N, C-alpha and C. Protein backbone atom coordinates (compact mmCIF):
# COMPACT_ATOMS: atom_id res chain seq x y z
N ALA A 1 -178.66 -50.31 26.69
CA ALA A 1 -177.38 -50.84 27.11
C ALA A 1 -177.24 -50.82 28.63
N PHE A 2 -178.03 -50.00 29.29
CA PHE A 2 -177.86 -49.88 30.74
C PHE A 2 -178.83 -50.77 31.50
N THR A 3 -178.46 -52.03 31.56
CA THR A 3 -179.19 -52.98 32.39
C THR A 3 -178.23 -53.44 33.47
N GLU A 4 -178.74 -54.10 34.47
CA GLU A 4 -177.88 -54.54 35.57
C GLU A 4 -176.75 -55.41 35.05
N GLY A 5 -175.52 -55.06 35.44
CA GLY A 5 -174.35 -55.82 35.04
C GLY A 5 -173.80 -55.49 33.66
N SER A 6 -174.38 -54.51 32.98
CA SER A 6 -173.92 -54.20 31.62
C SER A 6 -172.70 -53.28 31.60
N VAL A 7 -172.37 -52.68 32.74
CA VAL A 7 -171.20 -51.80 32.83
C VAL A 7 -170.27 -52.38 33.89
N ASN A 8 -169.09 -52.85 33.46
CA ASN A 8 -168.17 -53.45 34.42
C ASN A 8 -167.24 -52.41 35.05
N GLU A 9 -166.44 -52.86 36.01
CA GLU A 9 -165.54 -51.96 36.75
C GLU A 9 -164.55 -51.26 35.83
N ASP A 10 -163.97 -51.99 34.87
CA ASP A 10 -163.01 -51.39 33.93
C ASP A 10 -163.63 -50.22 33.18
N THR A 11 -164.87 -50.40 32.76
CA THR A 11 -165.56 -49.36 32.00
C THR A 11 -165.81 -48.14 32.86
N LEU A 12 -166.27 -48.35 34.09
CA LEU A 12 -166.50 -47.22 35.01
C LEU A 12 -165.19 -46.51 35.33
N GLU A 13 -164.14 -47.31 35.51
CA GLU A 13 -162.84 -46.76 35.86
C GLU A 13 -162.29 -45.86 34.75
N ILE A 14 -162.37 -46.32 33.51
CA ILE A 14 -161.83 -45.50 32.42
C ILE A 14 -162.66 -44.24 32.22
N ALA A 15 -163.97 -44.34 32.39
CA ALA A 15 -164.82 -43.14 32.28
C ALA A 15 -164.45 -42.14 33.36
N ALA A 16 -164.25 -42.61 34.58
CA ALA A 16 -163.87 -41.73 35.69
C ALA A 16 -162.49 -41.12 35.46
N ASP A 17 -161.56 -41.94 34.97
CA ASP A 17 -160.20 -41.44 34.73
C ASP A 17 -160.17 -40.37 33.64
N ILE A 18 -160.90 -40.61 32.56
CA ILE A 18 -160.94 -39.62 31.48
C ILE A 18 -161.61 -38.34 31.96
N ALA A 19 -162.71 -38.48 32.69
CA ALA A 19 -163.45 -37.31 33.17
C ALA A 19 -162.68 -36.56 34.25
N SER A 20 -161.83 -37.24 35.00
CA SER A 20 -161.10 -36.58 36.08
C SER A 20 -160.15 -35.51 35.55
N ILE A 21 -159.76 -35.62 34.29
CA ILE A 21 -158.89 -34.62 33.69
C ILE A 21 -159.58 -33.26 33.69
N SER A 22 -160.88 -33.27 33.39
CA SER A 22 -161.63 -32.01 33.36
C SER A 22 -162.15 -31.64 34.74
N GLY A 23 -162.25 -32.62 35.63
CA GLY A 23 -162.78 -32.35 36.96
C GLY A 23 -164.29 -32.15 36.98
N ASP A 24 -164.97 -32.57 35.93
CA ASP A 24 -166.40 -32.36 35.79
C ASP A 24 -167.12 -33.71 35.82
N ALA A 25 -167.90 -33.96 36.87
CA ALA A 25 -168.62 -35.23 37.00
C ALA A 25 -169.66 -35.39 35.89
N ARG A 26 -170.19 -34.27 35.41
CA ARG A 26 -171.18 -34.35 34.32
C ARG A 26 -170.54 -34.93 33.06
N TYR A 27 -169.26 -34.67 32.86
CA TYR A 27 -168.55 -35.21 31.71
C TYR A 27 -168.51 -36.74 31.79
N ALA A 28 -168.28 -37.29 32.99
CA ALA A 28 -168.27 -38.75 33.16
C ALA A 28 -169.63 -39.34 32.82
N ILE A 29 -170.68 -38.66 33.24
CA ILE A 29 -172.04 -39.14 32.94
C ILE A 29 -172.29 -39.08 31.44
N GLU A 30 -171.87 -37.98 30.80
CA GLU A 30 -172.01 -37.84 29.35
C GLU A 30 -171.23 -38.94 28.62
N LEU A 31 -170.02 -39.22 29.10
CA LEU A 31 -169.20 -40.28 28.50
C LEU A 31 -169.93 -41.63 28.57
N LEU A 32 -170.43 -41.95 29.75
CA LEU A 32 -171.12 -43.23 29.91
C LEU A 32 -172.39 -43.29 29.07
N TRP A 33 -173.12 -42.20 29.00
CA TRP A 33 -174.34 -42.17 28.20
C TRP A 33 -174.01 -42.42 26.72
N ARG A 34 -173.00 -41.68 26.22
CA ARG A 34 -172.60 -41.86 24.82
C ARG A 34 -172.04 -43.27 24.58
N ALA A 35 -171.27 -43.77 25.54
CA ALA A 35 -170.73 -45.13 25.43
C ALA A 35 -171.87 -46.14 25.34
N GLY A 36 -172.92 -45.91 26.11
CA GLY A 36 -174.10 -46.77 26.05
C GLY A 36 -174.75 -46.73 24.68
N LYS A 37 -174.79 -45.54 24.09
CA LYS A 37 -175.35 -45.40 22.73
C LYS A 37 -174.51 -46.19 21.72
N TYR A 38 -173.18 -46.11 21.86
CA TYR A 38 -172.31 -46.89 20.97
C TYR A 38 -172.55 -48.39 21.15
N ALA A 39 -172.67 -48.82 22.40
CA ALA A 39 -172.93 -50.24 22.68
C ALA A 39 -174.25 -50.67 22.04
N ASP A 40 -175.28 -49.83 22.19
CA ASP A 40 -176.59 -50.13 21.58
C ASP A 40 -176.48 -50.25 20.07
N SER A 41 -175.77 -49.29 19.46
CA SER A 41 -175.67 -49.29 18.00
C SER A 41 -174.93 -50.51 17.47
N GLU A 42 -174.04 -51.07 18.29
CA GLU A 42 -173.31 -52.28 17.90
C GLU A 42 -174.04 -53.56 18.31
N GLY A 43 -175.15 -53.39 19.01
CA GLY A 43 -175.89 -54.56 19.48
C GLY A 43 -175.21 -55.27 20.63
N SER A 44 -174.34 -54.56 21.35
CA SER A 44 -173.62 -55.15 22.47
C SER A 44 -174.48 -55.10 23.73
N MET A 45 -174.45 -56.16 24.49
CA MET A 45 -175.19 -56.22 25.75
C MET A 45 -174.39 -55.60 26.89
N GLU A 46 -173.15 -55.23 26.60
CA GLU A 46 -172.25 -54.70 27.62
C GLU A 46 -171.61 -53.41 27.12
N VAL A 47 -171.49 -52.43 28.01
CA VAL A 47 -170.78 -51.19 27.69
C VAL A 47 -169.31 -51.46 28.03
N LYS A 48 -168.44 -51.41 27.01
CA LYS A 48 -167.04 -51.79 27.16
C LYS A 48 -166.14 -50.56 27.20
N PRO A 49 -164.89 -50.73 27.68
CA PRO A 49 -163.95 -49.61 27.69
C PRO A 49 -163.79 -48.96 26.31
N GLU A 50 -163.81 -49.76 25.25
CA GLU A 50 -163.66 -49.21 23.90
C GLU A 50 -164.82 -48.28 23.57
N HIS A 51 -166.01 -48.57 24.07
CA HIS A 51 -167.16 -47.68 23.85
C HIS A 51 -166.92 -46.33 24.53
N VAL A 52 -166.32 -46.35 25.73
CA VAL A 52 -166.02 -45.10 26.44
C VAL A 52 -164.97 -44.31 25.67
N ARG A 53 -163.94 -45.00 25.16
CA ARG A 53 -162.91 -44.29 24.38
C ARG A 53 -163.52 -43.68 23.12
N LYS A 54 -164.44 -44.40 22.47
CA LYS A 54 -165.12 -43.84 21.29
C LYS A 54 -165.91 -42.60 21.67
N ALA A 55 -166.61 -42.67 22.80
CA ALA A 55 -167.41 -41.53 23.26
C ALA A 55 -166.51 -40.34 23.56
N ALA A 56 -165.39 -40.59 24.21
CA ALA A 56 -164.45 -39.51 24.52
C ALA A 56 -163.86 -38.93 23.25
N GLY A 57 -163.56 -39.79 22.29
CA GLY A 57 -163.03 -39.33 21.01
C GLY A 57 -164.02 -38.48 20.25
N ALA A 58 -165.31 -38.81 20.39
CA ALA A 58 -166.36 -38.02 19.72
C ALA A 58 -166.50 -36.65 20.39
N LEU A 59 -166.30 -36.61 21.70
CA LEU A 59 -166.43 -35.34 22.42
C LEU A 59 -165.17 -34.49 22.27
N TYR A 60 -164.02 -35.14 22.33
CA TYR A 60 -162.76 -34.42 22.17
C TYR A 60 -161.69 -35.41 21.77
N SER A 61 -161.22 -35.30 20.57
CA SER A 61 -160.21 -36.24 20.10
C SER A 61 -158.81 -35.74 20.41
N THR A 62 -157.99 -36.61 20.99
CA THR A 62 -156.60 -36.25 21.25
C THR A 62 -155.70 -36.68 20.09
N LEU A 63 -156.29 -37.33 19.11
CA LEU A 63 -155.52 -37.82 17.97
C LEU A 63 -155.43 -36.72 16.92
N ARG A 64 -154.45 -35.88 17.05
CA ARG A 64 -154.28 -34.74 16.16
C ARG A 64 -153.01 -34.93 15.33
N ASN A 65 -153.03 -34.39 14.12
CA ASN A 65 -151.87 -34.54 13.24
C ASN A 65 -150.59 -33.98 13.84
N GLU A 66 -150.71 -32.86 14.58
CA GLU A 66 -149.49 -32.27 15.15
C GLU A 66 -148.86 -33.20 16.19
N HIS A 67 -149.68 -34.00 16.88
CA HIS A 67 -149.12 -34.99 17.81
C HIS A 67 -148.37 -36.06 17.03
N LEU A 68 -148.99 -36.53 15.97
CA LEU A 68 -148.46 -37.68 15.25
C LEU A 68 -147.17 -37.39 14.51
N THR A 69 -147.04 -36.19 13.96
CA THR A 69 -145.83 -35.87 13.20
C THR A 69 -144.61 -35.78 14.11
N ASN A 70 -144.83 -35.49 15.38
CA ASN A 70 -143.70 -35.35 16.30
C ASN A 70 -143.34 -36.65 17.02
N LEU A 71 -144.09 -37.71 16.78
CA LEU A 71 -143.80 -38.98 17.44
C LEU A 71 -142.61 -39.68 16.79
N THR A 72 -141.79 -40.31 17.62
CA THR A 72 -140.69 -41.12 17.09
C THR A 72 -141.26 -42.46 16.62
N ILE A 73 -140.46 -43.20 15.88
CA ILE A 73 -140.93 -44.51 15.42
C ILE A 73 -141.21 -45.43 16.61
N ASN A 74 -140.39 -45.33 17.66
CA ASN A 74 -140.63 -46.17 18.85
C ASN A 74 -141.93 -45.82 19.54
N GLU A 75 -142.26 -44.54 19.59
CA GLU A 75 -143.53 -44.13 20.19
C GLU A 75 -144.70 -44.63 19.36
N LYS A 76 -144.55 -44.59 18.04
CA LYS A 76 -145.61 -45.12 17.16
C LYS A 76 -145.76 -46.63 17.34
N LEU A 77 -144.65 -47.33 17.45
CA LEU A 77 -144.70 -48.78 17.67
C LEU A 77 -145.35 -49.10 19.02
N LEU A 78 -145.01 -48.31 20.04
CA LEU A 78 -145.61 -48.51 21.37
C LEU A 78 -147.11 -48.24 21.34
N LEU A 79 -147.52 -47.17 20.68
CA LEU A 79 -148.95 -46.85 20.59
C LEU A 79 -149.70 -47.95 19.83
N LEU A 80 -149.09 -48.46 18.78
CA LEU A 80 -149.72 -49.55 18.03
C LEU A 80 -149.86 -50.79 18.91
N ALA A 81 -148.79 -51.12 19.64
CA ALA A 81 -148.83 -52.28 20.53
C ALA A 81 -149.91 -52.10 21.61
N LEU A 82 -149.96 -50.93 22.20
CA LEU A 82 -150.96 -50.65 23.23
C LEU A 82 -152.38 -50.75 22.68
N ALA A 83 -152.60 -50.09 21.55
CA ALA A 83 -153.94 -50.06 20.96
C ALA A 83 -154.40 -51.46 20.55
N ARG A 84 -153.51 -52.23 19.94
CA ARG A 84 -153.88 -53.60 19.54
C ARG A 84 -154.26 -54.44 20.76
N SER A 85 -153.45 -54.35 21.81
CA SER A 85 -153.72 -55.14 23.01
C SER A 85 -155.02 -54.73 23.68
N LEU A 86 -155.26 -53.42 23.77
CA LEU A 86 -156.50 -52.95 24.39
C LEU A 86 -157.71 -53.38 23.57
N GLU A 87 -157.57 -53.31 22.25
CA GLU A 87 -158.68 -53.68 21.38
C GLU A 87 -158.97 -55.19 21.48
N GLU A 88 -157.92 -55.99 21.49
CA GLU A 88 -158.10 -57.45 21.54
C GLU A 88 -158.58 -57.94 22.90
N SER A 89 -158.04 -57.36 23.97
CA SER A 89 -158.37 -57.87 25.31
C SER A 89 -159.60 -57.19 25.90
N ASN A 90 -160.02 -56.08 25.29
CA ASN A 90 -161.21 -55.36 25.74
C ASN A 90 -161.13 -54.93 27.20
N VAL A 91 -159.95 -54.43 27.59
CA VAL A 91 -159.75 -53.89 28.94
C VAL A 91 -159.43 -52.40 28.82
N ALA A 92 -159.49 -51.71 29.95
CA ALA A 92 -159.22 -50.27 29.96
C ALA A 92 -157.72 -49.97 30.04
N TYR A 93 -156.98 -50.81 30.76
CA TYR A 93 -155.56 -50.59 30.97
C TYR A 93 -154.78 -51.88 30.76
N LEU A 94 -153.52 -51.71 30.40
CA LEU A 94 -152.61 -52.82 30.16
C LEU A 94 -151.43 -52.67 31.11
N SER A 95 -150.91 -53.76 31.62
CA SER A 95 -149.73 -53.66 32.48
C SER A 95 -148.51 -53.35 31.62
N MET A 96 -147.51 -52.78 32.24
CA MET A 96 -146.27 -52.45 31.53
C MET A 96 -145.67 -53.72 30.92
N GLY A 97 -145.71 -54.82 31.65
CA GLY A 97 -145.16 -56.08 31.13
C GLY A 97 -145.90 -56.57 29.90
N ASP A 98 -147.23 -56.48 29.93
CA ASP A 98 -148.02 -56.89 28.76
C ASP A 98 -147.74 -55.98 27.57
N LEU A 99 -147.60 -54.69 27.84
CA LEU A 99 -147.28 -53.75 26.75
C LEU A 99 -145.92 -54.09 26.14
N GLU A 100 -144.94 -54.36 26.98
CA GLU A 100 -143.61 -54.69 26.47
C GLU A 100 -143.64 -55.95 25.60
N ARG A 101 -144.39 -56.97 26.02
CA ARG A 101 -144.47 -58.20 25.22
C ARG A 101 -145.09 -57.91 23.85
N THR A 102 -146.16 -57.15 23.83
CA THR A 102 -146.80 -56.83 22.55
C THR A 102 -145.90 -55.93 21.71
N TYR A 103 -145.20 -55.01 22.35
CA TYR A 103 -144.27 -54.12 21.66
C TYR A 103 -143.18 -54.93 20.94
N MET A 104 -142.67 -55.97 21.60
CA MET A 104 -141.64 -56.82 20.98
C MET A 104 -142.19 -57.47 19.71
N ILE A 105 -143.42 -57.92 19.75
CA ILE A 105 -144.05 -58.55 18.59
C ILE A 105 -144.22 -57.54 17.46
N VAL A 106 -144.67 -56.34 17.81
CA VAL A 106 -144.87 -55.28 16.81
C VAL A 106 -143.53 -54.88 16.19
N CYS A 107 -142.49 -54.78 17.01
CA CYS A 107 -141.16 -54.45 16.48
C CYS A 107 -140.69 -55.50 15.49
N GLU A 108 -140.93 -56.76 15.83
CA GLU A 108 -140.56 -57.85 14.93
C GLU A 108 -141.35 -57.76 13.62
N GLU A 109 -142.64 -57.45 13.73
CA GLU A 109 -143.50 -57.32 12.55
C GLU A 109 -142.99 -56.23 11.61
N TYR A 110 -142.52 -55.12 12.19
CA TYR A 110 -142.04 -54.00 11.38
C TYR A 110 -140.52 -54.04 11.17
N ASN A 111 -139.89 -55.14 11.59
CA ASN A 111 -138.46 -55.33 11.40
C ASN A 111 -137.67 -54.16 11.98
N TYR A 112 -138.00 -53.81 13.22
CA TYR A 112 -137.36 -52.70 13.90
C TYR A 112 -136.82 -53.20 15.24
N PRO A 113 -135.58 -52.85 15.58
CA PRO A 113 -135.02 -53.36 16.84
C PRO A 113 -135.75 -52.78 18.06
N PRO A 114 -136.23 -53.63 18.97
CA PRO A 114 -136.94 -53.14 20.15
C PRO A 114 -135.99 -52.45 21.13
N ARG A 115 -136.53 -51.56 21.91
CA ARG A 115 -135.76 -50.83 22.92
C ARG A 115 -135.81 -51.57 24.25
N SER A 116 -134.94 -51.16 25.16
CA SER A 116 -134.87 -51.77 26.48
C SER A 116 -136.05 -51.31 27.34
N HIS A 117 -136.22 -51.98 28.47
CA HIS A 117 -137.30 -51.63 29.40
C HIS A 117 -137.23 -50.16 29.80
N THR A 118 -136.03 -49.69 30.11
CA THR A 118 -135.87 -48.29 30.54
C THR A 118 -136.27 -47.33 29.43
N GLN A 119 -135.87 -47.62 28.21
CA GLN A 119 -136.24 -46.76 27.08
C GLN A 119 -137.74 -46.79 26.84
N ILE A 120 -138.35 -47.96 26.95
CA ILE A 120 -139.80 -48.08 26.78
C ILE A 120 -140.50 -47.24 27.84
N TRP A 121 -140.03 -47.34 29.08
CA TRP A 121 -140.62 -46.58 30.18
C TRP A 121 -140.53 -45.07 29.89
N LYS A 122 -139.38 -44.62 29.38
CA LYS A 122 -139.23 -43.20 29.04
C LYS A 122 -140.23 -42.78 27.96
N HIS A 123 -140.41 -43.63 26.95
CA HIS A 123 -141.37 -43.33 25.89
C HIS A 123 -142.80 -43.28 26.43
N VAL A 124 -143.13 -44.19 27.33
CA VAL A 124 -144.47 -44.19 27.93
C VAL A 124 -144.70 -42.90 28.70
N ARG A 125 -143.69 -42.46 29.45
CA ARG A 125 -143.83 -41.20 30.20
C ARG A 125 -144.01 -40.01 29.26
N LEU A 126 -143.28 -39.99 28.15
CA LEU A 126 -143.44 -38.90 27.18
C LEU A 126 -144.83 -38.93 26.54
N LEU A 127 -145.30 -40.12 26.20
CA LEU A 127 -146.64 -40.24 25.61
C LEU A 127 -147.71 -39.82 26.61
N SER A 128 -147.46 -40.09 27.87
CA SER A 128 -148.39 -39.66 28.92
C SER A 128 -148.40 -38.14 29.03
N ALA A 129 -147.24 -37.52 28.90
CA ALA A 129 -147.15 -36.06 28.97
C ALA A 129 -147.88 -35.39 27.81
N THR A 130 -147.95 -36.05 26.66
CA THR A 130 -148.67 -35.48 25.51
C THR A 130 -150.18 -35.65 25.64
N GLY A 131 -150.60 -36.54 26.54
CA GLY A 131 -152.02 -36.78 26.71
C GLY A 131 -152.55 -37.91 25.83
N LEU A 132 -151.69 -38.56 25.06
CA LEU A 132 -152.15 -39.67 24.22
C LEU A 132 -152.43 -40.92 25.03
N VAL A 133 -151.67 -41.12 26.11
CA VAL A 133 -151.91 -42.26 26.99
C VAL A 133 -152.04 -41.78 28.42
N SER A 134 -152.62 -42.61 29.25
CA SER A 134 -152.68 -42.31 30.68
C SER A 134 -152.00 -43.46 31.41
N THR A 135 -151.38 -43.13 32.52
CA THR A 135 -150.70 -44.14 33.32
C THR A 135 -151.18 -44.03 34.76
N LYS A 136 -151.16 -45.16 35.43
CA LYS A 136 -151.47 -45.19 36.86
C LYS A 136 -150.87 -46.46 37.43
N PHE A 137 -150.82 -46.54 38.75
CA PHE A 137 -150.31 -47.74 39.37
C PHE A 137 -151.44 -48.73 39.58
N SER A 138 -151.08 -50.01 39.50
CA SER A 138 -152.09 -51.06 39.69
C SER A 138 -152.64 -50.96 41.11
N GLY A 139 -153.84 -51.42 41.25
CA GLY A 139 -154.50 -51.34 42.55
C GLY A 139 -154.73 -52.71 43.12
N LYS A 140 -155.92 -52.87 43.69
CA LYS A 140 -156.29 -54.14 44.33
C LYS A 140 -156.24 -55.28 43.32
N GLY A 141 -155.87 -56.44 43.82
CA GLY A 141 -155.90 -57.63 42.98
C GLY A 141 -154.62 -57.89 42.22
N SER A 142 -153.60 -57.03 42.36
CA SER A 142 -152.34 -57.30 41.68
C SER A 142 -151.21 -57.37 42.69
N ARG A 143 -150.24 -58.20 42.35
CA ARG A 143 -149.07 -58.31 43.22
C ARG A 143 -148.14 -57.16 42.92
N GLY A 144 -147.68 -56.49 43.96
CA GLY A 144 -146.75 -55.39 43.77
C GLY A 144 -147.42 -54.19 43.11
N ARG A 145 -146.57 -53.25 42.72
CA ARG A 145 -147.09 -52.06 42.04
C ARG A 145 -146.53 -52.04 40.63
N THR A 146 -147.40 -52.20 39.68
CA THR A 146 -146.97 -52.13 38.29
C THR A 146 -147.68 -50.96 37.64
N THR A 147 -147.06 -50.41 36.64
CA THR A 147 -147.67 -49.31 35.91
C THR A 147 -148.69 -49.87 34.93
N MET A 148 -149.86 -49.27 34.94
CA MET A 148 -150.93 -49.63 34.02
C MET A 148 -151.04 -48.50 33.00
N ILE A 149 -151.17 -48.85 31.73
CA ILE A 149 -151.19 -47.87 30.64
C ILE A 149 -152.47 -48.03 29.84
N GLY A 150 -153.10 -46.91 29.51
CA GLY A 150 -154.31 -46.93 28.70
C GLY A 150 -154.32 -45.76 27.73
N LEU A 151 -155.20 -45.82 26.77
CA LEU A 151 -155.40 -44.69 25.86
C LEU A 151 -156.37 -43.72 26.52
N THR A 152 -156.15 -42.44 26.33
CA THR A 152 -157.02 -41.47 26.98
C THR A 152 -158.35 -41.37 26.27
N SER A 153 -158.43 -40.57 25.24
CA SER A 153 -159.74 -40.38 24.61
C SER A 153 -159.71 -40.69 23.12
N THR A 154 -158.96 -41.70 22.77
CA THR A 154 -158.93 -42.17 21.39
C THR A 154 -159.31 -43.64 21.39
N PRO A 155 -160.28 -44.03 20.58
CA PRO A 155 -160.62 -45.46 20.51
C PRO A 155 -159.41 -46.27 20.05
N ALA A 156 -159.23 -47.43 20.65
CA ALA A 156 -158.10 -48.29 20.28
C ALA A 156 -158.13 -48.62 18.80
N SER A 157 -159.31 -48.86 18.26
CA SER A 157 -159.43 -49.20 16.83
C SER A 157 -158.93 -48.06 15.95
N SER A 158 -159.23 -46.81 16.33
CA SER A 158 -158.75 -45.65 15.56
C SER A 158 -157.24 -45.51 15.66
N MET A 159 -156.71 -45.74 16.86
CA MET A 159 -155.27 -45.64 17.06
C MET A 159 -154.54 -46.70 16.25
N VAL A 160 -155.09 -47.91 16.20
CA VAL A 160 -154.47 -48.99 15.40
C VAL A 160 -154.37 -48.55 13.95
N LYS A 161 -155.49 -48.10 13.38
CA LYS A 161 -155.50 -47.67 11.98
C LYS A 161 -154.51 -46.54 11.73
N CYS A 162 -154.52 -45.57 12.62
CA CYS A 162 -153.65 -44.40 12.47
C CYS A 162 -152.17 -44.78 12.54
N MET A 163 -151.80 -45.59 13.53
CA MET A 163 -150.40 -45.98 13.69
C MET A 163 -149.94 -46.91 12.57
N GLU A 164 -150.82 -47.82 12.14
CA GLU A 164 -150.45 -48.69 11.02
C GLU A 164 -150.21 -47.87 9.76
N ALA A 165 -151.04 -46.87 9.53
CA ALA A 165 -150.86 -46.00 8.36
C ALA A 165 -149.56 -45.21 8.48
N ALA A 166 -149.29 -44.66 9.66
CA ALA A 166 -148.06 -43.88 9.86
C ALA A 166 -146.83 -44.75 9.71
N LEU A 167 -146.87 -45.96 10.24
CA LEU A 167 -145.73 -46.86 10.13
C LEU A 167 -145.56 -47.37 8.70
N GLU A 168 -146.65 -47.53 7.98
CA GLU A 168 -146.59 -47.94 6.57
C GLU A 168 -145.88 -46.87 5.75
N VAL A 169 -146.21 -45.61 6.02
CA VAL A 169 -145.56 -44.49 5.32
C VAL A 169 -144.07 -44.51 5.61
N LEU A 170 -143.70 -44.72 6.88
CA LEU A 170 -142.28 -44.76 7.24
C LEU A 170 -141.57 -45.93 6.57
N SER A 171 -142.19 -47.10 6.56
CA SER A 171 -141.52 -48.26 5.97
C SER A 171 -141.41 -48.13 4.45
N SER A 172 -142.40 -47.49 3.81
CA SER A 172 -142.30 -47.31 2.36
C SER A 172 -141.25 -46.26 2.01
N LYS A 173 -141.06 -45.26 2.88
CA LYS A 173 -140.00 -44.27 2.65
C LYS A 173 -138.63 -44.92 2.77
N SER A 174 -138.47 -45.80 3.78
CA SER A 174 -137.16 -46.42 3.97
C SER A 174 -136.84 -47.41 2.85
N LYS A 175 -137.86 -47.99 2.21
CA LYS A 175 -137.63 -48.91 1.09
C LYS A 175 -137.16 -48.17 -0.15
N HIS A 176 -137.55 -46.90 -0.26
CA HIS A 176 -137.22 -46.11 -1.45
C HIS A 176 -135.90 -45.37 -1.34
N LYS A 177 -135.23 -45.52 -0.22
CA LYS A 177 -133.95 -44.81 -0.04
C LYS A 177 -132.84 -45.50 -0.77
């Protein structure tokens, strides 16, 4: 998987961001190595951000039941929106605006009233404090300063499955009331 051009900036950035939590450069190298193994096993010519998240999840998963039981429905909807967008667009981070647009679609899908921008921002900050998501300000190449949101060490595909299952349980409970 490690040929010239097979690792893009987004992939390097997410590996560095995840590893910076521990402060250990060897962890970043281990993440990239494992991500390369995942890319190879999938027959991918490119090491993608999702491969890095899978590698991080294999080394240390932040997706724990105790986190999930304490999440509000809005936080679950936001995580689902984030994970779906990251999985579909194959990027490391999503802008706050893109997250809000996807969140509105997910709320409509689950027939749940969406929250305002301020409420969404508060939920993103809480999710960041739990370690489920990471936030940073946009850098070069973007107009203004927007918040960029990504998953820390959980593959987007795993988060999608987990949140869909959790939301399914909630919707089936509300139907039986």
